[in-house]
């Protein structure tokens, strides 16, 4: 909520916020495997660097996963543990409205249909903000 309130304060009257968010109903994290996310690239002075993501667990809208890097030069493996919160369309809409935004439209992402939402919300009238 604090982030949305700060964004709202920084907008001019009638200003808009546009953002995308993944659709949790799709459960995309189940596809976060080495086989589906693997890539390799040349790193400056490091030689080839392999990377991928591995899903660990999901609970109550929170998804834990590991980002893996392997450096060819010395075989060093670096893991970064991460947690993302996936919020539903209704939860996001409620947060926007609760911080004084008027949701104008919720679209599908054209290049990833069915995977993400695009929210377009306008700064509402002064005095209507709920903290």
N, C-alpha and C. Protein backbone atom coordinates (compact mmCIF):
# COMPACT_ATOMS: atom_id res chain seq x y z
N UNK A 1 0.82 -1.20 0.00
CA UNK A 1 0.00 0.00 0.00
C UNK A 1 0.86 1.25 0.00
N UNK A 2 1.97 1.23 0.75
CA UNK A 2 2.83 2.42 0.84
C UNK A 2 3.36 2.82 -0.53
N UNK A 3 3.71 1.84 -1.34
CA UNK A 3 4.23 2.14 -2.68
C UNK A 3 3.17 2.80 -3.53
N UNK A 4 1.95 2.28 -3.49
CA UNK A 4 0.87 2.88 -4.27
C UNK A 4 0.55 4.29 -3.78
N UNK A 5 0.59 4.49 -2.48
CA UNK A 5 0.34 5.84 -1.94
C UNK A 5 1.42 6.81 -2.41
N UNK A 6 2.68 6.37 -2.41
CA UNK A 6 3.78 7.24 -2.87
C UNK A 6 3.63 7.56 -4.35
N UNK A 7 3.25 6.58 -5.14
CA UNK A 7 3.03 6.81 -6.57
C UNK A 7 1.89 7.80 -6.76
N UNK A 8 0.81 7.61 -6.01
CA UNK A 8 -0.35 8.51 -6.14
C UNK A 8 0.04 9.95 -5.80
N UNK A 9 0.83 10.11 -4.73
CA UNK A 9 1.27 11.46 -4.35
C UNK A 9 2.12 12.12 -5.44
N UNK A 10 2.86 11.33 -6.19
CA UNK A 10 3.76 11.90 -7.20
C UNK A 10 3.05 12.23 -8.51
N UNK A 11 1.83 11.75 -8.68
CA UNK A 11 1.10 12.00 -9.92
C UNK A 11 0.33 13.31 -9.87
N UNK A 12 0.22 13.92 -11.03
CA UNK A 12 -0.65 15.10 -11.17
C UNK A 12 -2.10 14.63 -11.16
N UNK A 13 -3.04 15.54 -10.91
CA UNK A 13 -4.45 15.15 -10.97
C UNK A 13 -4.76 14.52 -12.34
N UNK A 14 -5.42 13.39 -12.31
CA UNK A 14 -5.75 12.67 -13.54
C UNK A 14 -4.62 11.83 -14.09
N UNK A 15 -3.44 11.86 -13.43
CA UNK A 15 -2.30 11.07 -13.88
C UNK A 15 -2.59 9.58 -13.79
N UNK A 16 -1.86 8.81 -14.56
CA UNK A 16 -2.13 7.36 -14.63
C UNK A 16 -0.92 6.54 -14.23
N UNK A 17 -1.22 5.37 -13.72
CA UNK A 17 -0.22 4.33 -13.46
C UNK A 17 -0.58 3.16 -14.36
N UNK A 18 0.41 2.59 -15.02
CA UNK A 18 0.22 1.42 -15.87
C UNK A 18 1.28 0.40 -15.46
N UNK A 19 0.84 -0.81 -15.16
CA UNK A 19 1.79 -1.86 -14.79
C UNK A 19 1.21 -3.21 -15.13
N UNK A 20 2.10 -4.20 -15.20
CA UNK A 20 1.64 -5.56 -15.45
C UNK A 20 1.94 -6.42 -14.24
N UNK A 21 1.16 -7.47 -14.11
CA UNK A 21 1.34 -8.42 -13.02
C UNK A 21 0.98 -9.81 -13.53
N UNK A 22 1.71 -10.79 -13.10
CA UNK A 22 1.45 -12.16 -13.53
C UNK A 22 0.14 -12.67 -12.93
N UNK A 23 -0.54 -13.50 -13.68
CA UNK A 23 -1.79 -14.09 -13.24
C UNK A 23 -1.49 -15.33 -12.40
N UNK A 24 -1.77 -15.30 -11.10
CA UNK A 24 -1.44 -16.46 -10.26
C UNK A 24 -2.23 -17.72 -10.60
N UNK A 25 -3.39 -17.57 -11.22
CA UNK A 25 -4.18 -18.75 -11.57
C UNK A 25 -3.48 -19.61 -12.62
N UNK A 26 -2.58 -19.03 -13.36
CA UNK A 26 -1.85 -19.77 -14.39
C UNK A 26 -0.77 -20.68 -13.79
N UNK A 27 -0.30 -20.36 -12.58
CA UNK A 27 0.72 -21.15 -11.88
C UNK A 27 1.99 -21.33 -12.72
N UNK A 28 2.48 -20.24 -13.28
CA UNK A 28 3.66 -20.26 -14.15
C UNK A 28 4.89 -20.83 -13.46
N UNK A 29 4.96 -20.72 -12.14
CA UNK A 29 6.12 -21.21 -11.40
C UNK A 29 6.35 -22.70 -11.59
N UNK A 30 5.31 -23.44 -11.96
CA UNK A 30 5.49 -24.87 -12.19
C UNK A 30 6.37 -25.14 -13.41
N UNK A 31 6.55 -24.14 -14.25
CA UNK A 31 7.40 -24.25 -15.44
C UNK A 31 8.82 -23.77 -15.17
N UNK A 32 9.11 -23.31 -13.95
CA UNK A 32 10.44 -22.79 -13.62
C UNK A 32 11.37 -23.95 -13.29
N UNK A 33 11.87 -24.58 -14.33
CA UNK A 33 12.81 -25.69 -14.21
C UNK A 33 14.05 -25.34 -15.02
N UNK A 34 15.12 -26.06 -14.76
CA UNK A 34 16.35 -25.83 -15.54
C UNK A 34 16.07 -26.05 -17.02
N UNK A 35 15.33 -27.08 -17.35
CA UNK A 35 15.02 -27.38 -18.74
C UNK A 35 14.26 -26.27 -19.46
N UNK A 36 13.39 -25.58 -18.73
CA UNK A 36 12.59 -24.51 -19.35
C UNK A 36 13.22 -23.13 -19.29
N UNK A 37 14.17 -22.90 -18.37
CA UNK A 37 14.67 -21.55 -18.16
C UNK A 37 16.17 -21.40 -18.44
N UNK A 38 16.83 -22.46 -18.85
CA UNK A 38 18.29 -22.45 -19.05
C UNK A 38 18.70 -21.49 -20.16
N UNK A 39 19.79 -20.76 -19.90
CA UNK A 39 20.42 -19.94 -20.94
C UNK A 39 21.91 -19.86 -20.62
N UNK A 40 22.70 -19.52 -21.63
CA UNK A 40 24.13 -19.32 -21.46
C UNK A 40 24.53 -18.09 -22.25
N UNK A 41 25.48 -17.35 -21.69
CA UNK A 41 25.96 -16.13 -22.34
C UNK A 41 27.42 -15.93 -21.96
N UNK A 42 28.12 -15.16 -22.76
CA UNK A 42 29.50 -14.82 -22.45
C UNK A 42 29.52 -13.67 -21.46
N UNK A 43 30.28 -13.85 -20.37
CA UNK A 43 30.44 -12.79 -19.37
C UNK A 43 31.81 -12.17 -19.52
N UNK A 44 31.90 -10.86 -19.38
CA UNK A 44 33.18 -10.16 -19.51
C UNK A 44 34.22 -10.77 -18.57
N UNK A 45 35.25 -11.37 -19.14
CA UNK A 45 36.33 -11.95 -18.34
C UNK A 45 35.98 -13.23 -17.62
N UNK A 46 34.77 -13.71 -17.77
CA UNK A 46 34.32 -14.90 -17.05
C UNK A 46 34.15 -16.10 -17.96
N UNK A 47 34.18 -15.90 -19.26
CA UNK A 47 33.85 -16.99 -20.17
C UNK A 47 32.35 -17.18 -20.17
N UNK A 48 31.92 -18.38 -20.50
CA UNK A 48 30.49 -18.66 -20.54
C UNK A 48 29.91 -18.68 -19.13
N UNK A 49 28.70 -18.13 -19.01
CA UNK A 49 27.97 -18.15 -17.75
C UNK A 49 26.61 -18.78 -18.03
N UNK A 50 26.34 -19.88 -17.34
CA UNK A 50 25.04 -20.55 -17.49
C UNK A 50 24.10 -20.01 -16.41
N UNK A 51 22.83 -19.94 -16.74
CA UNK A 51 21.84 -19.50 -15.74
C UNK A 51 20.52 -20.23 -15.95
N UNK A 52 19.79 -20.38 -14.84
CA UNK A 52 18.45 -20.95 -14.88
C UNK A 52 17.74 -20.67 -13.56
N UNK A 53 16.47 -21.00 -13.52
CA UNK A 53 15.64 -20.80 -12.34
C UNK A 53 15.03 -22.14 -11.95
N UNK A 54 14.98 -22.40 -10.65
CA UNK A 54 14.38 -23.64 -10.13
C UNK A 54 13.30 -23.30 -9.11
N UNK A 55 12.08 -23.71 -9.38
CA UNK A 55 10.96 -23.55 -8.44
C UNK A 55 11.21 -24.40 -7.20
N UNK A 56 10.90 -23.83 -6.03
CA UNK A 56 11.04 -24.59 -4.78
C UNK A 56 9.70 -24.90 -4.13
N UNK A 57 8.88 -23.84 -3.84
CA UNK A 57 7.63 -24.07 -3.12
C UNK A 57 6.69 -22.90 -3.34
N UNK A 58 5.40 -23.17 -3.18
CA UNK A 58 4.38 -22.12 -3.26
C UNK A 58 3.43 -22.30 -2.10
N UNK A 59 3.10 -21.16 -1.45
CA UNK A 59 2.18 -21.22 -0.32
C UNK A 59 1.51 -19.87 -0.14
N UNK A 60 0.18 -19.85 -0.20
CA UNK A 60 -0.58 -18.63 0.07
C UNK A 60 -0.23 -17.44 -0.79
N UNK A 61 0.03 -17.65 -2.05
CA UNK A 61 0.35 -16.55 -2.95
C UNK A 61 1.83 -16.22 -3.02
N UNK A 62 2.65 -16.85 -2.18
CA UNK A 62 4.09 -16.63 -2.19
C UNK A 62 4.78 -17.81 -2.87
N UNK A 63 5.75 -17.50 -3.72
CA UNK A 63 6.47 -18.53 -4.47
C UNK A 63 7.97 -18.37 -4.20
N UNK A 64 8.59 -19.44 -3.71
CA UNK A 64 10.03 -19.47 -3.47
C UNK A 64 10.71 -20.15 -4.65
N UNK A 65 11.82 -19.57 -5.08
CA UNK A 65 12.59 -20.15 -6.18
C UNK A 65 14.05 -19.78 -6.04
N UNK A 66 14.90 -20.49 -6.78
CA UNK A 66 16.34 -20.25 -6.75
C UNK A 66 16.79 -19.84 -8.14
N UNK A 67 17.57 -18.77 -8.21
CA UNK A 67 18.25 -18.38 -9.44
C UNK A 67 19.66 -18.93 -9.37
N UNK A 68 20.11 -19.62 -10.41
CA UNK A 68 21.41 -20.28 -10.41
C UNK A 68 22.29 -19.69 -11.51
N UNK A 69 23.55 -19.41 -11.17
CA UNK A 69 24.58 -19.02 -12.14
C UNK A 69 25.74 -19.98 -12.00
N UNK A 70 26.29 -20.46 -13.12
CA UNK A 70 27.47 -21.31 -13.10
C UNK A 70 28.49 -20.68 -14.05
N UNK A 71 29.69 -20.39 -13.50
CA UNK A 71 30.75 -19.75 -14.26
C UNK A 71 31.70 -20.80 -14.83
N UNK A 72 31.82 -20.83 -16.15
CA UNK A 72 32.64 -21.83 -16.83
C UNK A 72 34.11 -21.73 -16.40
N UNK A 73 34.59 -20.53 -16.22
CA UNK A 73 36.01 -20.31 -15.94
C UNK A 73 36.51 -21.12 -14.75
N UNK A 74 35.74 -21.14 -13.68
CA UNK A 74 36.20 -21.86 -12.48
C UNK A 74 35.17 -22.85 -11.93
N UNK A 75 34.05 -22.99 -12.62
CA UNK A 75 33.02 -23.93 -12.18
C UNK A 75 32.22 -23.45 -10.97
N UNK A 76 32.45 -22.20 -10.56
CA UNK A 76 31.75 -21.66 -9.38
C UNK A 76 30.25 -21.59 -9.65
N UNK A 77 29.49 -22.02 -8.67
CA UNK A 77 28.01 -21.99 -8.73
C UNK A 77 27.52 -20.99 -7.70
N UNK A 78 26.70 -20.04 -8.14
CA UNK A 78 26.14 -19.04 -7.25
C UNK A 78 24.62 -19.22 -7.27
N UNK A 79 24.04 -19.33 -6.08
CA UNK A 79 22.58 -19.47 -5.98
C UNK A 79 22.01 -18.27 -5.24
N UNK A 80 20.89 -17.78 -5.75
CA UNK A 80 20.19 -16.69 -5.08
C UNK A 80 18.77 -17.13 -4.79
N UNK A 81 18.42 -17.16 -3.52
CA UNK A 81 17.06 -17.54 -3.13
C UNK A 81 16.16 -16.32 -3.23
N UNK A 82 14.97 -16.53 -3.78
CA UNK A 82 14.02 -15.44 -4.03
C UNK A 82 12.62 -15.85 -3.61
N UNK A 83 11.80 -14.84 -3.35
CA UNK A 83 10.39 -15.07 -3.05
C UNK A 83 9.58 -13.99 -3.75
N UNK A 84 8.60 -14.40 -4.53
CA UNK A 84 7.68 -13.48 -5.18
C UNK A 84 6.28 -13.68 -4.62
N UNK A 85 5.55 -12.57 -4.52
CA UNK A 85 4.14 -12.67 -4.14
C UNK A 85 3.30 -12.51 -5.40
N UNK A 86 2.42 -13.45 -5.62
CA UNK A 86 1.49 -13.39 -6.74
C UNK A 86 0.14 -12.95 -6.19
N UNK A 87 -0.37 -11.83 -6.68
CA UNK A 87 -1.65 -11.31 -6.19
C UNK A 87 -2.69 -11.43 -7.30
N UNK A 88 -3.90 -11.77 -6.92
CA UNK A 88 -4.97 -11.95 -7.90
C UNK A 88 -5.40 -10.61 -8.49
N UNK A 89 -6.11 -10.70 -9.55
CA UNK A 89 -6.68 -9.52 -10.22
C UNK A 89 -7.51 -8.70 -9.22
N UNK A 90 -8.38 -9.37 -8.46
CA UNK A 90 -9.24 -8.69 -7.49
C UNK A 90 -8.43 -8.05 -6.36
N UNK A 91 -7.39 -8.73 -5.88
CA UNK A 91 -6.56 -8.17 -4.82
C UNK A 91 -5.86 -6.89 -5.29
N UNK A 92 -5.33 -6.93 -6.51
CA UNK A 92 -4.65 -5.75 -7.05
C UNK A 92 -5.62 -4.59 -7.26
N UNK A 93 -6.80 -4.91 -7.78
CA UNK A 93 -7.82 -3.87 -7.99
C UNK A 93 -8.22 -3.23 -6.66
N UNK A 94 -8.41 -4.05 -5.65
CA UNK A 94 -8.79 -3.55 -4.33
C UNK A 94 -7.70 -2.65 -3.75
N UNK A 95 -6.43 -3.03 -3.92
CA UNK A 95 -5.32 -2.20 -3.43
C UNK A 95 -5.28 -0.86 -4.15
N UNK A 96 -5.48 -0.87 -5.46
CA UNK A 96 -5.49 0.38 -6.21
C UNK A 96 -6.63 1.28 -5.74
N UNK A 97 -7.82 0.73 -5.66
CA UNK A 97 -8.98 1.53 -5.24
C UNK A 97 -8.83 2.00 -3.80
N UNK A 98 -8.24 1.19 -2.94
CA UNK A 98 -8.05 1.55 -1.55
C UNK A 98 -7.03 2.66 -1.33
N UNK A 99 -6.23 2.92 -2.34
CA UNK A 99 -5.24 4.00 -2.23
C UNK A 99 -5.59 5.18 -3.12
N UNK A 100 -6.85 5.24 -3.57
CA UNK A 100 -7.31 6.43 -4.27
C UNK A 100 -7.18 6.41 -5.77
N UNK A 101 -6.99 5.24 -6.36
CA UNK A 101 -6.95 5.14 -7.82
C UNK A 101 -8.29 4.66 -8.35
N UNK A 102 -8.59 5.04 -9.56
CA UNK A 102 -9.77 4.55 -10.26
C UNK A 102 -9.25 3.61 -11.35
N UNK A 103 -9.61 2.34 -11.27
CA UNK A 103 -9.16 1.37 -12.27
C UNK A 103 -9.97 1.60 -13.54
N UNK A 104 -9.28 2.01 -14.60
CA UNK A 104 -9.94 2.29 -15.86
C UNK A 104 -10.06 1.05 -16.73
N UNK A 105 -9.04 0.20 -16.67
CA UNK A 105 -9.04 -0.96 -17.55
C UNK A 105 -8.05 -2.00 -17.04
N UNK A 106 -8.38 -3.26 -17.27
CA UNK A 106 -7.45 -4.37 -17.01
C UNK A 106 -7.40 -5.16 -18.32
N UNK A 107 -6.25 -5.15 -18.94
CA UNK A 107 -6.07 -5.79 -20.25
C UNK A 107 -5.23 -7.05 -20.12
N UNK A 108 -5.28 -7.84 -21.19
CA UNK A 108 -4.38 -8.97 -21.35
C UNK A 108 -3.08 -8.44 -21.95
N UNK A 109 -1.96 -9.09 -21.68
CA UNK A 109 -0.69 -8.70 -22.29
C UNK A 109 -0.66 -9.27 -23.71
N UNK A 110 -0.53 -8.42 -24.72
CA UNK A 110 -0.66 -8.89 -26.11
C UNK A 110 0.33 -9.99 -26.51
N UNK A 111 1.58 -9.92 -26.04
CA UNK A 111 2.55 -10.91 -26.46
C UNK A 111 2.63 -12.13 -25.53
N UNK A 112 1.85 -12.12 -24.46
CA UNK A 112 1.79 -13.25 -23.53
C UNK A 112 0.35 -13.46 -23.07
N UNK A 113 -0.56 -13.68 -23.99
CA UNK A 113 -1.98 -13.77 -23.61
C UNK A 113 -2.23 -14.85 -22.57
N UNK A 114 -3.09 -14.48 -21.59
CA UNK A 114 -3.46 -15.43 -20.54
C UNK A 114 -2.43 -15.59 -19.45
N UNK A 115 -1.32 -14.86 -19.53
CA UNK A 115 -0.25 -15.02 -18.53
C UNK A 115 -0.18 -13.85 -17.55
N UNK A 116 -0.53 -12.67 -18.00
CA UNK A 116 -0.37 -11.47 -17.18
C UNK A 116 -1.53 -10.52 -17.40
N UNK A 117 -1.70 -9.61 -16.44
CA UNK A 117 -2.67 -8.53 -16.54
C UNK A 117 -1.92 -7.22 -16.74
N UNK A 118 -2.51 -6.30 -17.48
CA UNK A 118 -2.01 -4.93 -17.54
C UNK A 118 -3.09 -4.06 -16.90
N UNK A 119 -2.72 -3.37 -15.81
CA UNK A 119 -3.64 -2.48 -15.11
C UNK A 119 -3.39 -1.05 -15.58
N UNK A 120 -4.48 -0.35 -15.85
CA UNK A 120 -4.42 1.08 -16.16
C UNK A 120 -5.34 1.75 -15.16
N UNK A 121 -4.74 2.59 -14.30
CA UNK A 121 -5.51 3.24 -13.24
C UNK A 121 -5.18 4.73 -13.22
N UNK A 122 -6.17 5.52 -12.89
CA UNK A 122 -6.05 6.98 -12.85
C UNK A 122 -6.12 7.46 -11.41
N UNK A 123 -5.35 8.50 -11.12
CA UNK A 123 -5.41 9.13 -9.80
C UNK A 123 -6.80 9.70 -9.61
N UNK A 124 -7.47 9.27 -8.54
CA UNK A 124 -8.82 9.74 -8.26
C UNK A 124 -8.82 11.12 -7.62
N UNK A 125 -9.99 11.58 -7.24
CA UNK A 125 -10.15 12.90 -6.63
C UNK A 125 -9.47 12.97 -5.28
N UNK A 126 -8.96 14.15 -4.92
CA UNK A 126 -8.37 14.39 -3.61
C UNK A 126 -9.39 14.10 -2.52
N UNK A 127 -8.91 13.70 -1.37
CA UNK A 127 -9.79 13.48 -0.23
C UNK A 127 -10.43 12.10 -0.21
N UNK A 128 -10.20 11.30 -1.24
CA UNK A 128 -10.80 9.96 -1.28
C UNK A 128 -9.81 8.87 -0.94
N UNK A 129 -8.61 9.23 -0.60
CA UNK A 129 -7.60 8.23 -0.29
C UNK A 129 -7.87 7.56 1.04
N UNK A 130 -7.82 6.25 1.04
CA UNK A 130 -7.94 5.49 2.27
C UNK A 130 -6.57 4.91 2.57
N UNK A 131 -6.07 5.06 3.75
CA UNK A 131 -4.74 4.54 4.09
C UNK A 131 -4.80 3.12 4.58
